[in-house]
C-alpha cells in the first residue's frame, strides 16, 4: 500500500505525550488530566494496548494502516449501496465505488492518519460513522432491528473515540 513506507518510521509530535500520560496516569491517563480532558475511553484503550505491546512504531503504524484500509472498505460498501439506491446498474456502481474508495485509500491528505499514532482516533471514529451509515441504509431497506442496533453500536464506538461524532445524528437526519 502507498503508506507502507511509513511503517518503520519513529513516533512524532503528540505521540510521545500520549505515552507519557499513560506512564504517569494509567490506562485512561491520556484522557483524564488537563490539558486534554477528552472523554475518549475506547481510544484510550487503543493507546494502552500499543503501550503494553512495547511502544513499537512498526506495530502502531501497522494498526493505523489496518484501520485506514478498513475505512476504505467501509467507504466502498457505503458508496456501492448508495449508488444502487440511486438506480445505477451493478457494474457501474461497483466501478464508481471502487474508484472512490481507492482514491480515499491513496489520497495524500490521509497520510497523517497513518503516520501519526495520535490520529487513530480519527480513523476509528470514521470507521464507526461509515459503518453506522451503511447499517442504517440496510435497516431502511430490510427493516431488521439488529441492523439498527448494530448501527447504534458503531456510532457509540466512534463517539467514544472522538467527540466530533456528536454531529452524526444531525447528519443522518438531514
C-alpha atoms as a PDB file:
ATOM      1  CA  UNK A   1       0.000   0.000   0.000  1.00  0.00           C
ATOM      2  CA  UNK A   2       1.058   3.594  -0.517  1.00  0.00           C
ATOM      3  CA  UNK A   3       1.665   4.273   3.177  1.00  0.00           C
ATOM      4  CA  UNK A   4       3.756   1.174   3.853  1.00  0.00           C
ATOM      5  CA  UNK A   5       6.913   3.265   3.690  1.00  0.00           C
ATOM      6  CA  UNK A   6       5.786   4.999   6.879  1.00  0.00           C
ATOM      7  CA  UNK A   7       5.514   1.787   8.928  1.00  0.00           C
ATOM      8  CA  UNK A   8       9.050   1.715  10.409  1.00  0.00           C
ATOM      9  CA  UNK A   9       9.229   5.498  10.984  1.00  0.00           C
ATOM     10  CA  UNK A  10       9.534   6.788  14.564  1.00  0.00           C
ATOM     11  CA  UNK A  11       6.773   8.367  16.592  1.00  0.00           C
ATOM     12  CA  UNK A  12       6.164  12.092  16.134  1.00  0.00           C
ATOM     13  CA  UNK A  13       4.751  15.107  17.990  1.00  0.00           C
ATOM     14  CA  UNK A  14       1.878  14.226  20.328  1.00  0.00           C
ATOM     15  CA  UNK A  15       2.641  10.510  20.200  1.00  0.00           C
ATOM     16  CA  UNK A  16       5.275  10.884  22.936  1.00  0.00           C
ATOM     17  CA  UNK A  17       2.892  12.940  25.065  1.00  0.00           C
ATOM     18  CA  UNK A  18       0.276  10.191  24.913  1.00  0.00           C
ATOM     19  CA  UNK A  19       2.746   7.550  26.070  1.00  0.00           C
ATOM     20  CA  UNK A  20       3.996   9.849  28.829  1.00  0.00           C
ATOM     21  CA  UNK A  21       0.406  10.305  30.057  1.00  0.00           C
ATOM     22  CA  UNK A  22      -0.134   6.551  30.011  1.00  0.00           C
ATOM     23  CA  UNK A  23       3.019   6.042  32.087  1.00  0.00           C
ATOM     24  CA  UNK A  24       2.003   8.679  34.622  1.00  0.00           C
ATOM     25  CA  UNK A  25      -1.722   8.046  34.984  1.00  0.00           C
ATOM     26  CA  UNK A  26      -2.507   4.531  33.779  1.00  0.00           C
ATOM     27  CA  UNK A  27      -4.937   3.210  31.199  1.00  0.00           C
ATOM     28  CA  UNK A  28      -7.051   6.359  30.970  1.00  0.00           C
ATOM     29  CA  UNK A  29      -4.168   8.715  31.675  1.00  0.00           C
ATOM     30  CA  UNK A  30      -4.392  10.235  28.214  1.00  0.00           C
ATOM     31  CA  UNK A  31      -7.923  11.452  28.708  1.00  0.00           C
ATOM     32  CA  UNK A  32      -8.172  12.094  32.411  1.00  0.00           C
ATOM     33  CA  UNK A  33      -5.894  15.044  33.081  1.00  0.00           C
ATOM     34  CA  UNK A  34      -5.647  18.593  31.698  1.00  0.00           C
ATOM     35  CA  UNK A  35      -4.784  19.878  29.129  1.00  0.00           C
ATOM     36  CA  UNK A  36      -6.599  17.171  27.173  1.00  0.00           C
ATOM     37  CA  UNK A  37      -9.536  16.108  29.402  1.00  0.00           C
ATOM     38  CA  UNK A  38     -11.282  14.465  26.448  1.00  0.00           C
ATOM     39  CA  UNK A  39     -13.774  11.721  27.080  1.00  0.00           C
ATOM     40  CA  UNK A  40     -12.373   9.118  24.691  1.00  0.00           C
ATOM     41  CA  UNK A  41     -12.372   5.840  26.617  1.00  0.00           C
ATOM     42  CA  UNK A  42     -12.114   3.484  23.631  1.00  0.00           C
ATOM     43  CA  UNK A  43      -9.242   5.314  22.009  1.00  0.00           C
ATOM     44  CA  UNK A  44      -7.531   5.388  25.395  1.00  0.00           C
ATOM     45  CA  UNK A  45      -7.805   1.589  25.406  1.00  0.00           C
ATOM     46  CA  UNK A  46      -6.252   1.531  21.927  1.00  0.00           C
ATOM     47  CA  UNK A  47      -3.370   3.674  23.085  1.00  0.00           C
ATOM     48  CA  UNK A  48      -2.916   1.497  26.157  1.00  0.00           C
ATOM     49  CA  UNK A  49      -2.705  -1.649  24.039  1.00  0.00           C
ATOM     50  CA  UNK A  50       0.067  -0.057  21.993  1.00  0.00           C
ATOM     51  CA  UNK A  51       1.827   0.920  25.200  1.00  0.00           C
ATOM     52  CA  UNK A  52       1.553  -2.623  26.576  1.00  0.00           C
ATOM     53  CA  UNK A  53       2.855  -4.108  23.322  1.00  0.00           C
ATOM     54  CA  UNK A  54       6.025  -2.142  23.889  1.00  0.00           C
ATOM     55  CA  UNK A  55       5.542   1.175  22.121  1.00  0.00           C
ATOM     56  CA  UNK A  56       6.649  -0.191  18.778  1.00  0.00           C
ATOM     57  CA  UNK A  57       6.225   2.345  15.955  1.00  0.00           C
ATOM     58  CA  UNK A  58       6.011  -0.538  13.476  1.00  0.00           C
ATOM     59  CA  UNK A  59       3.096  -2.075  15.387  1.00  0.00           C
ATOM     60  CA  UNK A  60       1.333   1.261  15.967  1.00  0.00           C
ATOM     61  CA  UNK A  61       1.632   2.398  12.363  1.00  0.00           C
ATOM     62  CA  UNK A  62       0.573  -1.060  11.176  1.00  0.00           C
ATOM     63  CA  UNK A  63      -2.593  -0.875  13.277  1.00  0.00           C
ATOM     64  CA  UNK A  64      -3.270   2.607  11.877  1.00  0.00           C
ATOM     65  CA  UNK A  65      -2.784   1.264   8.364  1.00  0.00           C
ATOM     66  CA  UNK A  66      -5.280  -1.529   9.043  1.00  0.00           C
ATOM     67  CA  UNK A  67      -7.839   0.987  10.324  1.00  0.00           C
ATOM     68  CA  UNK A  68      -7.272   3.128   7.233  1.00  0.00           C
ATOM     69  CA  UNK A  69      -7.803   0.120   4.984  1.00  0.00           C
ATOM     70  CA  UNK A  70     -10.930  -0.779   6.922  1.00  0.00           C
ATOM     71  CA  UNK A  71     -12.290   2.723   6.390  1.00  0.00           C
ATOM     72  CA  UNK A  72     -11.647   2.380   2.646  1.00  0.00           C
ATOM     73  CA  UNK A  73     -13.559  -0.931   2.567  1.00  0.00           C
ATOM     74  CA  UNK A  74     -16.457   0.610   4.512  1.00  0.00           C
ATOM     75  CA  UNK A  75     -16.473   3.565   2.129  1.00  0.00           C
ATOM     76  CA  UNK A  76     -16.678   1.167  -0.808  1.00  0.00           C
ATOM     77  CA  UNK A  77     -19.654  -0.617   0.758  1.00  0.00           C
ATOM     78  CA  UNK A  78     -21.435   2.614   1.579  1.00  0.00           C
ATOM     79  CA  UNK A  79     -20.818   4.142  -1.858  1.00  0.00           C
ATOM     80  CA  UNK A  80     -21.949   0.975  -3.636  1.00  0.00           C
ATOM     81  CA  UNK A  81     -25.153   0.765  -1.589  1.00  0.00           C
ATOM     82  CA  UNK A  82     -25.868   4.451  -2.154  1.00  0.00           C
ATOM     83  CA  UNK A  83     -25.275   4.256  -5.910  1.00  0.00           C
ATOM     84  CA  UNK A  84     -27.512   1.186  -6.188  1.00  0.00           C
ATOM     85  CA  UNK A  85     -30.205   3.080  -4.296  1.00  0.00           C
ATOM     86  CA  UNK A  86     -29.898   5.894  -6.832  1.00  0.00           C
ATOM     87  CA  UNK A  87     -30.587   3.459  -9.666  1.00  0.00           C
ATOM     88  CA  UNK A  88     -27.094   2.800 -11.040  1.00  0.00           C
ATOM     89  CA  UNK A  89     -26.515  -0.586 -12.634  1.00  0.00           C
ATOM     90  CA  UNK A  90     -24.349  -3.021 -10.674  1.00  0.00           C
ATOM     91  CA  UNK A  91     -21.287  -2.802 -12.897  1.00  0.00           C
ATOM     92  CA  UNK A  92     -21.047   0.971 -12.928  1.00  0.00           C
ATOM     93  CA  UNK A  93     -21.853   1.200  -9.225  1.00  0.00           C
ATOM     94  CA  UNK A  94     -19.032  -1.239  -8.402  1.00  0.00           C
ATOM     95  CA  UNK A  95     -16.532   0.631 -10.552  1.00  0.00           C
ATOM     96  CA  UNK A  96     -17.515   4.049  -9.175  1.00  0.00           C
ATOM     97  CA  UNK A  97     -17.481   2.798  -5.569  1.00  0.00           C
ATOM     98  CA  UNK A  98     -14.116   1.131  -6.143  1.00  0.00           C
ATOM     99  CA  UNK A  99     -12.638   4.290  -7.652  1.00  0.00           C
ATOM    100  CA  UNK A 100     -13.946   6.414  -4.791  1.00  0.00           C
ATOM    101  CA  UNK A 101     -12.642   4.050  -2.121  1.00  0.00           C
ATOM    102  CA  UNK A 102      -9.298   3.711  -3.921  1.00  0.00           C
ATOM    103  CA  UNK A 103      -8.933   7.461  -4.126  1.00  0.00           C
ATOM    104  CA  UNK A 104      -9.667   7.718  -0.408  1.00  0.00           C
ATOM    105  CA  UNK A 105      -7.121   4.975   0.316  1.00  0.00           C
ATOM    106  CA  UNK A 106      -4.241   6.668  -1.514  1.00  0.00           C
ATOM    107  CA  UNK A 107      -5.100  10.342  -1.085  1.00  0.00           C
ATOM    108  CA  UNK A 108      -2.008  12.152   0.247  1.00  0.00           C
ATOM    109  CA  UNK A 109      -4.174  14.148   2.662  1.00  0.00           C
ATOM    110  CA  UNK A 110      -4.725  10.925   4.623  1.00  0.00           C
ATOM    111  CA  UNK A 111      -1.046  10.273   5.305  1.00  0.00           C
ATOM    112  CA  UNK A 112      -1.381  11.978   8.679  1.00  0.00           C
ATOM    113  CA  UNK A 113      -3.885   9.374   9.799  1.00  0.00           C
ATOM    114  CA  UNK A 114      -1.425   6.557   9.142  1.00  0.00           C
ATOM    115  CA  UNK A 115       1.814   8.303  10.081  1.00  0.00           C
ATOM    116  CA  UNK A 116       0.658   9.933  13.280  1.00  0.00           C
ATOM    117  CA  UNK A 117      -0.178   7.488  16.057  1.00  0.00           C
ATOM    118  CA  UNK A 118      -2.434  10.020  17.801  1.00  0.00           C
ATOM    119  CA  UNK A 119      -4.621  10.285  14.684  1.00  0.00           C
ATOM    120  CA  UNK A 120      -6.006   6.795  15.256  1.00  0.00           C
ATOM    121  CA  UNK A 121      -8.976   8.447  16.956  1.00  0.00           C
ATOM    122  CA  UNK A 122      -9.935   9.963  13.595  1.00  0.00           C
ATOM    123  CA  UNK A 123      -9.844   6.632  11.802  1.00  0.00           C
ATOM    124  CA  UNK A 124     -11.760   4.681  14.425  1.00  0.00           C
ATOM    125  CA  UNK A 125     -14.400   7.429  14.579  1.00  0.00           C
ATOM    126  CA  UNK A 126     -14.597   7.454  10.767  1.00  0.00           C
ATOM    127  CA  UNK A 127     -14.996   3.682  10.711  1.00  0.00           C
ATOM    128  CA  UNK A 128     -17.766   3.967  13.289  1.00  0.00           C
ATOM    129  CA  UNK A 129     -19.585   6.636  11.267  1.00  0.00           C
ATOM    130  CA  UNK A 130     -19.238   4.811   7.936  1.00  0.00           C
ATOM    131  CA  UNK A 131     -20.325   1.524   9.467  1.00  0.00           C
ATOM    132  CA  UNK A 132     -23.316   3.176  11.121  1.00  0.00           C
ATOM    133  CA  UNK A 133     -24.373   4.838   7.866  1.00  0.00           C
ATOM    134  CA  UNK A 134     -24.078   1.587   5.947  1.00  0.00           C
ATOM    135  CA  UNK A 135     -26.085  -0.295   8.573  1.00  0.00           C
ATOM    136  CA  UNK A 136     -28.760   2.420   8.738  1.00  0.00           C
ATOM    137  CA  UNK A 137     -29.186   2.201   4.968  1.00  0.00           C
ATOM    138  CA  UNK A 138     -29.503  -1.561   5.267  1.00  0.00           C
ATOM    139  CA  UNK A 139     -32.054  -1.115   8.075  1.00  0.00           C
ATOM    140  CA  UNK A 140     -34.121   1.136   5.811  1.00  0.00           C
ATOM    141  CA  UNK A 141     -34.039  -1.443   3.039  1.00  0.00           C
ATOM    142  CA  UNK A 142     -34.617  -4.618   5.056  1.00  0.00           C
ATOM    143  CA  UNK A 143     -36.226  -3.409   8.278  1.00  0.00           C
ATOM    144  CA  UNK A 144     -34.213  -5.708  10.574  1.00  0.00           C
ATOM    145  CA  UNK A 145     -33.811  -4.182  14.014  1.00  0.00           C
ATOM    146  CA  UNK A 146     -30.447  -5.873  14.500  1.00  0.00           C
ATOM    147  CA  UNK A 147     -29.095  -3.628  11.700  1.00  0.00           C
ATOM    148  CA  UNK A 148     -30.365  -0.603  13.596  1.00  0.00           C
ATOM    149  CA  UNK A 149     -28.832  -1.808  16.871  1.00  0.00           C
ATOM    150  CA  UNK A 150     -25.535  -2.568  15.130  1.00  0.00           C
ATOM    151  CA  UNK A 151     -25.592   0.955  13.634  1.00  0.00           C
ATOM    152  CA  UNK A 152     -26.123   2.358  17.112  1.00  0.00           C
ATOM    153  CA  UNK A 153     -23.170   0.288  18.367  1.00  0.00           C
ATOM    154  CA  UNK A 154     -20.949   1.572  15.534  1.00  0.00           C
ATOM    155  CA  UNK A 155     -21.958   5.138  16.346  1.00  0.00           C
ATOM    156  CA  UNK A 156     -21.208   4.590  20.036  1.00  0.00           C
ATOM    157  CA  UNK A 157     -17.774   3.149  19.264  1.00  0.00           C
ATOM    158  CA  UNK A 158     -16.975   6.135  17.071  1.00  0.00           C
ATOM    159  CA  UNK A 159     -18.308   8.591  19.653  1.00  0.00           C
ATOM    160  CA  UNK A 160     -16.213   7.068  22.423  1.00  0.00           C
ATOM    161  CA  UNK A 161     -13.144   7.567  20.224  1.00  0.00           C
ATOM    162  CA  UNK A 162     -13.784  11.141  19.123  1.00  0.00           C
ATOM    163  CA  UNK A 163     -16.407  13.558  20.333  1.00  0.00           C
ATOM    164  CA  UNK A 164     -16.861  15.133  16.903  1.00  0.00           C
ATOM    165  CA  UNK A 165     -19.283  12.285  16.158  1.00  0.00           C
ATOM    166  CA  UNK A 166     -21.845  14.123  18.281  1.00  0.00           C
ATOM    167  CA  UNK A 167     -22.899  15.741  14.999  1.00  0.00           C
ATOM    168  CA  UNK A 168     -23.597  12.357  13.384  1.00  0.00           C
ATOM    169  CA  UNK A 169     -27.314  12.140  14.318  1.00  0.00           C
ATOM    170  CA  UNK A 170     -27.886  15.569  12.736  1.00  0.00           C
ATOM    171  CA  UNK A 171     -26.109  14.487   9.557  1.00  0.00           C
ATOM    172  CA  UNK A 172     -28.186  11.293   9.370  1.00  0.00           C
ATOM    173  CA  UNK A 173     -31.376  13.239   9.987  1.00  0.00           C
ATOM    174  CA  UNK A 174     -30.599  15.631   7.121  1.00  0.00           C
END
